[in-house]
Amino acid sequence: MAQDGAGRNGHAPTVEGVMELLKKGKEYYSGFHAACLEEDNFYLGKVAIPKPTGEPVDEVHPATATAIVNVATDHLDVNNISIEVPASGKARQRAERLKRFYLGTWLSVKGPVLRTAARHGFQYGIAATKSMFATDQWPDPPMLDDFPDEASYRTALEEVLEERGHVFPLVVRNVNPKNLVWDDSRIRPRWAIEFYQRRPEEVAWRYPEFQKSGSSPFVDWVEYWDEEWALYLADGQAVWGPERHSYGHLCYTFAHPASSLDWDDGPPHERYRGILRPVHSLLKEEARLITAYSAILRMYAYRTIDFYGPRSAAEETARAYELFGAKNVVPPGVSIQASPLVTPPPEILRQLSMVQTMIEEATFPNVVRGLRPTGAGSGFAISVLAGMGRLVFQGMADGLARAMEQVNTKFAQLVENKARGRVTVHGRAQAHSFDQTIGPEDIQGYYENHV
């Protein structure tokens, strides 16, 4: 879907253009969005399990899909970040300041952004983050014309600069790919549209001019961003913008784990494949086998009772008969026997073991979760298997690292283009504790970094 965004050739985007682009984007990404919803059903245990109709059989939903995604996410260490800024000669001091700034910025992000991005990458085969400048939190510099003399202006300016030293204006948050359409150009994405539903009171509190229409309890929220313009829509009404954001880039960044044959060519639902996609049928089969075995085992443990004798006497005895230690009176001519025993067939367990083995082969071995494999008798063998199993996660680790490098570049551009002054980060962690102040003069268009 490599086409121009709603704002073309420097012109501001229109409501009609954005809505038309969103419609086309949803059609283009319909297969991918449907795949995302299917992945969520597996993760949340909402996939329907076939069972005999009319029988009191409870569905058993194994947590295998949830465990696969969670374990994969746990094996990406997003807390110990290593960032390098290459430089030589006199630029080494500047590179060190930039390095500490990037590291301090990620330490200042209090939410689980990187962990959620890793989970999205394993779940959907792609992850998206949104880096923005908190303009409402960044104090504006005073205007000289608002003061009677230069001395009072300098005093006010010093107060603003001091206040800026305690404000961190860079924001990063996650965007679920199922709520996003974007420019699928092989060069770079030039626009993206985020859509979801919000509560009317939430929109009205932020944008009082918005007037809710229709009977829906929610508002269809749309955010359009390109490399120059931004526009917010609520139920098709423009509530903010179009405005030039002056970021110098598109605020959305994508992490590609490259979990399919191609990552930049072909339909999106074929390119972006989560870790569960190859085992969908196996996960369904596992749930079916466990549900069947549970139902048969319940019949085996709680056998029914048969009453033999005259029909009226047998039915009356069955209605009055009590189990679990009660005393019963059995009339003459009625006998009581346990129903024929149904033994759980061992073939179910053999089939279940085979299915679970195939799930391991398509995802990662259970030894990665800390389970001892059958036949491994030494710690060395288990460590080798665990190391080989963790290679499955390297694609997501590389994709997340490359995405962080792009976000670091956008951090620097936000300092140059939006802050236009010195920004201080306060890096506070167990391994790092420092303050770093940086300004446009420290960047000067140098964005190279390696995570």
Protein backbone atom coordinates (compact mmCIF):
# COMPACT_ATOMS: atom_id res chain seq x y z
CA MET A 1 0.00 0.00 0.00
CA ALA A 2 2.65 2.47 -1.07
CA GLN A 3 0.60 5.57 -1.76
CA ASP A 4 0.65 9.16 -0.63
CA GLY A 5 -0.98 10.09 2.64
CA ALA A 6 -3.92 12.41 3.04
CA GLY A 7 -1.61 15.41 3.12
CA ARG A 8 0.22 15.62 -0.22
CA ASN A 9 2.87 17.96 -1.58
CA GLY A 10 2.97 19.96 1.64
CA HIS A 11 -0.80 20.50 1.74
CA ALA A 12 -2.72 19.90 4.96
CA PRO A 13 -4.70 16.65 5.20
CA THR A 14 -8.49 16.85 5.03
CA VAL A 15 -11.09 14.91 6.99
CA GLU A 16 -12.40 13.34 3.79
CA GLY A 17 -8.91 12.38 2.64
CA VAL A 18 -8.04 10.77 5.96
CA MET A 19 -11.29 8.80 6.15
CA GLU A 20 -10.85 7.57 2.57
CA LEU A 21 -7.27 6.56 3.29
CA LEU A 22 -8.40 4.77 6.46
CA LYS A 23 -11.04 2.86 4.49
CA LYS A 24 -8.48 1.71 1.93
CA GLY A 25 -6.01 0.89 4.69
CA LYS A 26 -8.49 -1.31 6.51
CA GLU A 27 -9.20 -3.18 3.28
CA TYR A 28 -5.50 -3.67 2.60
CA TYR A 29 -4.75 -4.81 6.15
CA SER A 30 -8.00 -6.77 6.62
CA GLY A 31 -6.24 -10.15 6.47
CA PHE A 32 -3.59 -9.02 8.94
CA HIS A 33 -6.13 -7.52 11.36
CA ALA A 34 -8.19 -10.73 11.22
CA ALA A 35 -5.04 -12.73 11.95
CA CYS A 36 -4.32 -10.47 14.95
CA LEU A 37 -7.78 -11.16 16.40
CA GLU A 38 -7.24 -14.90 15.90
CA GLU A 39 -3.89 -14.70 17.69
CA ASP A 40 -5.60 -12.91 20.59
CA ASN A 41 -8.21 -15.66 20.83
CA PHE A 42 -5.47 -18.27 21.20
CA TYR A 43 -3.58 -16.18 23.76
CA LEU A 44 -6.71 -15.44 25.81
CA GLY A 45 -8.08 -19.00 25.57
CA LYS A 46 -11.19 -18.07 23.59
CA VAL A 47 -10.88 -20.59 20.76
CA ALA A 48 -13.94 -22.85 20.60
CA ILE A 49 -13.22 -26.54 21.21
CA PRO A 50 -15.37 -29.17 19.45
CA LYS A 51 -17.23 -31.43 21.90
CA PRO A 52 -20.24 -33.77 21.80
CA THR A 53 -23.47 -31.83 21.57
CA GLY A 54 -26.01 -32.40 24.32
CA GLU A 55 -23.42 -33.86 26.70
CA PRO A 56 -22.30 -32.21 29.98
CA VAL A 57 -18.71 -31.82 28.80
CA ASP A 58 -16.71 -28.78 29.90
CA GLU A 59 -14.19 -27.26 27.52
CA VAL A 60 -10.61 -27.38 28.78
CA HIS A 61 -8.45 -24.57 27.43
CA PRO A 62 -4.73 -25.31 27.97
CA ALA A 63 -2.53 -22.28 28.60
CA THR A 64 0.01 -23.48 26.06
CA ALA A 65 -0.42 -20.51 23.70
CA THR A 66 -0.20 -18.02 26.56
CA ALA A 67 2.88 -19.73 27.97
CA ILE A 68 4.65 -19.75 24.60
CA VAL A 69 4.25 -15.99 24.11
CA ASN A 70 5.03 -15.15 27.75
CA VAL A 71 8.13 -17.35 27.94
CA ALA A 72 9.42 -15.92 24.67
CA THR A 73 8.89 -12.40 26.02
CA ASP A 74 10.62 -13.26 29.30
CA HIS A 75 13.74 -14.36 27.44
CA LEU A 76 14.31 -10.90 25.96
CA ASP A 77 16.21 -8.85 28.54
CA VAL A 78 14.90 -5.33 27.94
CA ASN A 79 16.17 -3.98 31.28
CA ASN A 80 19.92 -4.12 30.59
CA ILE A 81 20.22 -1.94 27.50
CA SER A 82 23.57 -1.37 25.84
CA ILE A 83 23.83 1.65 23.53
CA GLU A 84 26.91 2.75 21.61
CA VAL A 85 27.44 5.96 19.63
CA PRO A 86 30.43 5.57 17.29
CA ALA A 87 32.81 8.50 17.11
CA SER A 88 36.49 9.27 16.87
CA GLY A 89 38.87 12.06 17.79
CA LYS A 90 37.30 15.21 19.20
CA ALA A 91 33.78 13.85 18.76
CA ARG A 92 34.18 11.22 21.48
CA GLN A 93 32.93 13.50 24.24
CA ARG A 94 29.85 14.38 22.21
CA ALA A 95 29.26 10.68 21.48
CA GLU A 96 29.48 9.89 25.19
CA ARG A 97 26.90 12.59 25.99
CA LEU A 98 24.57 11.25 23.32
CA LYS A 99 25.02 7.71 24.59
CA ARG A 100 24.13 8.71 28.14
CA PHE A 101 21.20 10.74 26.86
CA TYR A 102 19.74 7.79 24.92
CA LEU A 103 20.28 5.43 27.82
CA GLY A 104 18.83 7.90 30.32
CA THR A 105 15.80 8.45 28.09
CA TRP A 106 14.94 4.74 28.07
CA LEU A 107 15.51 4.59 31.83
CA SER A 108 13.08 7.49 32.19
CA VAL A 109 10.33 5.58 30.37
CA LYS A 110 8.49 4.14 33.38
CA GLY A 111 5.94 2.05 31.53
CA PRO A 112 6.66 -1.48 30.21
CA VAL A 113 7.02 -0.20 26.64
CA LEU A 114 9.86 -2.47 25.53
CA ARG A 115 8.38 -5.55 27.19
CA THR A 116 5.00 -4.90 25.56
CA ALA A 117 6.69 -4.34 22.20
CA ALA A 118 8.43 -7.70 22.55
CA ARG A 119 5.12 -9.40 23.39
CA HIS A 120 3.42 -7.76 20.40
CA GLY A 121 6.28 -8.90 18.16
CA PHE A 122 5.95 -12.51 19.25
CA GLN A 123 2.15 -12.34 19.14
CA TYR A 124 1.60 -10.59 15.80
CA GLY A 125 4.94 -10.75 14.01
CA ILE A 126 5.39 -6.96 14.20
CA ALA A 127 5.39 -4.33 16.95
CA ALA A 128 4.79 -0.57 16.81
CA THR A 129 5.78 2.26 19.14
CA LYS A 130 4.88 5.93 19.07
CA SER A 131 7.43 8.53 20.21
CA MET A 132 6.10 12.03 20.85
CA PHE A 133 7.01 15.37 22.40
CA ALA A 134 4.92 16.36 25.42
CA THR A 135 4.32 19.94 24.36
CA ASP A 136 1.81 20.59 27.16
CA GLN A 137 4.47 19.71 29.76
CA TRP A 138 7.31 21.72 28.22
CA PRO A 139 7.38 25.34 29.48
CA ASP A 140 7.38 27.89 26.67
CA PRO A 141 10.07 30.61 26.75
CA PRO A 142 8.86 34.09 27.69
CA MET A 143 8.42 36.77 25.05
CA LEU A 144 10.52 39.91 25.41
CA ASP A 145 7.58 42.13 24.45
CA ASP A 146 5.66 40.94 27.53
CA PHE A 147 8.16 42.51 29.97
CA PRO A 148 8.87 46.16 30.75
CA ASP A 149 12.66 45.77 30.75
CA GLU A 150 15.38 43.29 29.89
CA ALA A 151 16.20 42.48 33.52
CA SER A 152 12.71 41.16 34.29
CA TYR A 153 12.75 39.21 31.01
CA ARG A 154 16.05 37.53 31.94
CA THR A 155 14.67 36.65 35.36
CA ALA A 156 11.60 35.00 33.80
CA LEU A 157 13.80 33.21 31.27
CA GLU A 158 16.00 31.79 34.02
CA GLU A 159 12.91 30.48 35.82
CA VAL A 160 11.70 28.75 32.66
CA LEU A 161 15.09 27.18 32.03
CA GLU A 162 15.24 25.97 35.62
CA GLU A 163 11.77 24.47 35.30
CA ARG A 164 12.77 22.72 32.10
CA GLY A 165 15.57 21.03 33.96
CA HIS A 166 12.95 19.10 35.96
CA VAL A 167 10.67 18.21 33.04
CA PHE A 168 11.14 15.22 30.74
CA PRO A 169 9.21 15.98 27.53
CA LEU A 170 9.87 12.77 25.53
CA VAL A 171 7.12 10.15 25.53
CA VAL A 172 7.07 6.62 24.10
CA ARG A 173 4.04 4.36 24.13
CA ASN A 174 2.91 1.15 22.48
CA VAL A 175 0.41 0.94 19.64
CA ASN A 176 -1.26 -2.40 19.04
CA PRO A 177 -0.78 -3.30 15.35
CA LYS A 178 -4.41 -4.42 15.09
CA ASN A 179 -5.40 -0.75 15.64
CA LEU A 180 -3.07 0.64 13.00
CA VAL A 181 -2.78 1.03 9.22
CA TRP A 182 0.33 2.52 7.69
CA ASP A 183 2.17 3.28 4.48
CA ASP A 184 3.59 -0.06 3.36
CA SER A 185 6.25 1.45 1.11
CA ARG A 186 9.52 -0.48 0.85
CA ILE A 187 11.42 2.82 1.16
CA ARG A 188 9.95 3.90 4.50
CA PRO A 189 6.48 4.46 5.96
CA ARG A 190 5.48 8.09 5.38
CA TRP A 191 2.10 8.06 7.14
CA ALA A 192 0.11 6.02 9.63
CA ILE A 193 -3.44 6.06 10.98
CA GLU A 194 -4.31 4.84 14.46
CA PHE A 195 -7.93 3.95 15.16
CA TYR A 196 -9.81 2.63 18.17
CA GLN A 197 -12.84 3.38 20.33
CA ARG A 198 -12.88 5.79 23.25
CA ARG A 199 -15.47 6.81 25.82
CA PRO A 200 -17.36 10.02 24.92
CA GLU A 201 -16.61 11.66 28.28
CA GLU A 202 -12.90 11.03 27.77
CA VAL A 203 -12.95 12.83 24.42
CA ALA A 204 -15.21 15.65 25.67
CA TRP A 205 -12.93 16.33 28.65
CA ARG A 206 -9.91 16.82 26.39
CA TYR A 207 -11.79 18.47 23.51
CA PRO A 208 -14.85 20.38 24.86
CA GLU A 209 -15.93 21.44 21.35
CA PHE A 210 -16.70 17.83 20.43
CA GLN A 211 -20.41 17.01 20.21
CA LYS A 212 -21.37 13.34 20.38
CA SER A 213 -23.93 12.17 17.84
CA GLY A 214 -25.54 8.79 17.35
CA SER A 215 -26.54 6.10 19.81
CA SER A 216 -23.23 4.26 20.03
CA PRO A 217 -21.77 4.21 23.57
CA PHE A 218 -18.28 4.78 22.13
CA VAL A 219 -16.53 7.30 19.92
CA ASP A 220 -14.61 6.19 16.82
CA TRP A 221 -11.23 7.81 17.40
CA VAL A 222 -8.78 8.31 14.51
CA GLU A 223 -5.26 9.79 14.62
CA TYR A 224 -3.56 10.61 11.34
CA TRP A 225 0.18 11.29 11.29
CA ASP A 226 2.63 11.77 8.47
CA GLU A 227 6.11 13.23 8.32
CA GLU A 228 4.74 16.79 8.48
CA TRP A 229 1.09 16.88 9.57
CA ALA A 230 -1.14 15.48 12.32
CA LEU A 231 -4.94 15.37 12.58
CA TYR A 232 -7.27 13.93 15.25
CA LEU A 233 -10.83 12.86 14.39
CA ALA A 234 -13.70 11.82 16.67
CA ASP A 235 -16.70 10.25 14.92
CA GLY A 236 -15.48 11.84 11.71
CA GLN A 237 -15.17 15.33 13.26
CA ALA A 238 -11.83 17.14 13.39
CA VAL A 239 -11.11 17.89 17.07
CA TRP A 240 -7.42 18.83 16.67
CA GLY A 241 -5.52 19.89 13.62
CA PRO A 242 -4.51 19.64 10.97
CA GLU A 243 -1.29 20.97 12.48
CA ARG A 244 2.35 20.83 11.48
CA HIS A 245 4.01 18.85 14.25
CA SER A 246 7.58 19.86 13.28
CA TYR A 247 8.99 16.49 14.44
CA GLY A 248 10.97 16.00 11.25
CA HIS A 249 9.87 12.35 11.04
CA LEU A 250 6.92 9.97 11.36
CA CYS A 251 6.36 9.32 15.05
CA TYR A 252 5.58 5.59 14.58
CA THR A 253 8.41 3.05 14.61
CA PHE A 254 8.07 -0.62 13.70
CA ALA A 255 10.00 -3.61 15.03
CA HIS A 256 10.31 -6.47 12.53
CA PRO A 257 11.27 -9.91 13.88
CA ALA A 258 11.38 -11.21 10.27
CA SER A 259 9.46 -14.37 11.15
CA SER A 260 8.34 -15.15 7.60
CA LEU A 261 9.95 -15.66 4.19
CA ASP A 262 9.82 -11.92 3.42
CA TRP A 263 9.38 -8.93 5.70
CA ASP A 264 8.99 -6.16 3.11
CA ASP A 265 7.17 -7.78 0.21
CA GLY A 266 3.85 -9.57 -0.13
CA PRO A 267 0.49 -9.36 1.68
CA PRO A 268 0.80 -8.19 5.32
CA HIS A 269 -0.89 -11.29 6.75
CA GLU A 270 1.78 -13.45 5.09
CA ARG A 271 4.72 -11.28 6.12
CA TYR A 272 3.81 -10.66 9.75
CA ARG A 273 3.48 -14.06 11.42
CA GLY A 274 3.48 -14.49 15.18
CA ILE A 275 5.12 -17.38 16.96
CA LEU A 276 1.75 -19.15 17.33
CA ARG A 277 0.76 -19.03 13.64
CA PRO A 278 2.43 -22.35 12.60
CA VAL A 279 0.84 -24.28 15.51
CA HIS A 280 -2.78 -23.12 15.36
CA SER A 281 -4.08 -26.54 14.31
CA LEU A 282 -1.84 -28.27 16.86
CA LEU A 283 -3.10 -26.03 19.66
CA LYS A 284 -6.68 -26.86 18.69
CA GLU A 285 -5.86 -30.58 18.60
CA GLU A 286 -4.20 -30.37 22.01
CA ALA A 287 -7.29 -28.70 23.48
CA ARG A 288 -9.57 -31.33 21.86
CA LEU A 289 -7.54 -34.24 23.26
CA ILE A 290 -7.34 -32.79 26.76
CA THR A 291 -11.08 -32.02 26.74
CA ALA A 292 -11.90 -35.56 25.57
CA TYR A 293 -9.60 -37.15 28.13
CA SER A 294 -11.03 -34.99 30.90
CA ALA A 295 -14.60 -35.96 29.95
CA ILE A 296 -13.81 -39.69 29.83
CA LEU A 297 -11.85 -39.52 33.08
CA ARG A 298 -14.80 -37.83 34.75
CA MET A 299 -17.05 -40.67 33.60
CA TYR A 300 -14.48 -43.13 34.93
CA ALA A 301 -14.21 -41.44 38.34
CA TYR A 302 -17.90 -40.65 38.80
CA ARG A 303 -19.64 -43.78 37.53
CA THR A 304 -23.39 -43.72 37.19
CA ILE A 305 -25.68 -46.19 38.96
CA ASP A 306 -28.22 -48.50 37.34
CA PHE A 307 -31.41 -49.65 39.09
CA TYR A 308 -32.89 -53.04 38.13
CA GLY A 309 -36.42 -54.14 38.95
CA PRO A 310 -40.03 -53.20 38.27
CA ARG A 311 -40.12 -49.90 36.41
CA SER A 312 -42.15 -47.94 38.94
CA ALA A 313 -40.18 -49.26 41.91
CA ALA A 314 -36.83 -48.68 40.16
CA GLU A 315 -37.73 -45.11 39.21
CA GLU A 316 -38.94 -44.31 42.72
CA THR A 317 -35.75 -45.75 44.20
CA ALA A 318 -33.61 -43.74 41.76
CA ARG A 319 -35.35 -40.48 42.73
CA ALA A 320 -34.88 -41.12 46.46
CA TYR A 321 -31.42 -42.65 46.30
CA GLU A 322 -28.57 -40.60 47.78
CA LEU A 323 -24.82 -41.01 47.51
CA PHE A 324 -21.83 -39.98 49.61
CA GLY A 325 -22.55 -41.61 52.95
CA ALA A 326 -26.34 -41.26 53.07
CA LYS A 327 -28.65 -44.08 54.21
CA ASN A 328 -30.99 -45.50 51.60
CA VAL A 329 -33.93 -47.89 51.72
CA VAL A 330 -34.06 -50.27 48.77
CA PRO A 331 -37.47 -51.84 48.23
CA PRO A 332 -37.78 -55.57 47.53
CA GLY A 333 -37.24 -56.54 43.93
CA VAL A 334 -34.88 -53.64 43.12
CA SER A 335 -31.13 -54.16 42.76
CA ILE A 336 -28.44 -51.52 42.35
CA GLN A 337 -25.27 -51.89 40.31
CA ALA A 338 -22.60 -49.56 39.00
CA SER A 339 -22.81 -48.77 35.32
CA PRO A 340 -20.33 -50.35 32.92
CA LEU A 341 -16.86 -48.88 33.36
CA VAL A 342 -15.42 -46.71 30.57
CA THR A 343 -11.63 -46.65 30.85
CA PRO A 344 -9.73 -43.66 29.41
CA PRO A 345 -7.96 -45.04 26.33
CA PRO A 346 -4.15 -44.69 26.45
CA GLU A 347 -4.18 -43.73 22.77
CA ILE A 348 -5.38 -40.26 23.77
CA LEU A 349 -2.30 -39.69 25.91
CA ARG A 350 0.00 -41.02 23.16
CA GLN A 351 -1.60 -38.70 20.63
CA LEU A 352 -1.40 -35.78 23.09
CA SER A 353 2.31 -36.44 23.64
CA MET A 354 2.93 -36.47 19.89
CA VAL A 355 1.01 -33.21 19.41
CA GLN A 356 2.90 -31.48 22.23
CA THR A 357 6.20 -32.64 20.74
CA MET A 358 5.24 -31.12 17.38
CA ILE A 359 4.32 -27.85 19.14
CA GLU A 360 7.79 -27.78 20.67
CA GLU A 361 9.42 -28.43 17.31
CA ALA A 362 7.57 -25.51 15.72
CA THR A 363 8.16 -23.03 18.59
CA PHE A 364 10.90 -23.80 21.12
CA PRO A 365 11.77 -26.79 23.35
CA ASN A 366 10.32 -27.00 26.83
CA VAL A 367 13.84 -27.04 28.27
CA VAL A 368 13.83 -23.26 27.72
CA ARG A 369 11.04 -23.07 30.30
CA GLY A 370 13.17 -24.97 32.83
CA LEU A 371 11.75 -28.45 32.21
CA ARG A 372 14.21 -31.34 32.02
CA PRO A 373 13.90 -33.14 28.67
CA THR A 374 13.60 -36.90 28.52
CA GLY A 375 16.94 -38.59 27.99
CA ALA A 376 19.20 -35.69 28.93
CA GLY A 377 21.31 -36.92 31.79
CA SER A 378 23.81 -34.08 32.28
CA GLY A 379 23.65 -30.37 32.96
CA PHE A 380 25.87 -29.71 29.94
CA ALA A 381 23.42 -31.39 27.57
CA ILE A 382 20.52 -29.40 29.03
CA SER A 383 22.44 -26.12 28.78
CA VAL A 384 23.26 -26.80 25.13
CA LEU A 385 19.61 -27.54 24.39
CA ALA A 386 18.53 -24.38 26.23
CA GLY A 387 21.05 -22.27 24.32
CA MET A 388 19.90 -23.65 20.99
CA GLY A 389 16.27 -23.12 21.98
CA ARG A 390 16.88 -19.46 22.82
CA LEU A 391 18.08 -18.83 19.27
CA VAL A 392 14.39 -18.75 18.34
CA PHE A 393 14.11 -15.40 20.12
CA GLN A 394 17.06 -13.77 18.34
CA GLY A 395 14.91 -12.44 15.48
CA MET A 396 12.70 -10.48 17.83
CA ALA A 397 15.72 -9.26 19.80
CA ASP A 398 17.35 -7.94 16.61
CA GLY A 399 14.12 -6.36 15.40
CA LEU A 400 13.54 -4.61 18.73
CA ALA A 401 17.15 -3.37 18.82
CA ARG A 402 16.88 -1.90 15.31
CA ALA A 403 13.59 -0.22 16.27
CA MET A 404 15.21 1.29 19.37
CA GLU A 405 17.96 2.73 17.20
CA GLN A 406 15.33 4.47 15.07
CA VAL A 407 13.56 5.77 18.18
CA ASN A 408 16.89 7.10 19.52
CA THR A 409 17.27 9.04 16.29
CA LYS A 410 13.79 10.47 16.75
CA PHE A 411 14.63 11.44 20.35
CA ALA A 412 17.55 13.50 19.03
CA GLN A 413 15.39 15.09 16.33
CA LEU A 414 12.76 16.02 18.92
CA VAL A 415 15.43 17.83 20.92
CA GLU A 416 16.57 19.67 17.79
CA ASN A 417 13.18 20.45 16.27
CA LYS A 418 10.77 20.71 19.23
CA ALA A 419 12.66 21.45 22.44
CA ARG A 420 15.17 23.69 20.67
CA GLY A 421 17.02 23.91 23.93
CA ARG A 422 18.71 21.81 26.53
CA VAL A 423 16.89 18.74 27.86
CA THR A 424 17.97 16.91 31.03
CA VAL A 425 17.38 13.22 31.62
CA HIS A 426 17.71 11.61 35.01
CA GLY A 427 18.84 8.01 34.57
CA ARG A 428 17.93 6.03 37.67
CA ALA A 429 18.38 2.26 37.80
CA GLN A 430 20.28 -0.35 39.78
CA ALA A 431 23.18 -0.35 37.34
CA HIS A 432 23.00 3.28 36.20
CA SER A 433 22.45 6.51 38.10
CA PHE A 434 23.32 9.76 36.38
CA ASP A 435 22.03 13.05 34.98
CA GLN A 436 22.71 14.11 31.40
CA THR A 437 21.84 17.41 29.76
CA ILE A 438 21.91 17.70 25.99
CA GLY A 439 20.99 20.36 23.47
CA PRO A 440 20.83 20.88 19.70
CA GLU A 441 24.48 21.96 19.69
CA ASP A 442 25.45 18.48 20.92
CA ILE A 443 23.54 16.71 18.14
CA GLN A 444 24.00 18.79 14.97
CA GLY A 445 22.40 16.14 12.79
CA TYR A 446 24.51 13.23 14.07
CA TYR A 447 22.06 10.39 14.77
CA GLU A 448 24.22 7.26 14.42
CA ASN A 449 23.78 4.80 17.31
CA HIS A 450 23.82 1.07 17.91
CA VAL A 451 21.70 -0.86 20.42
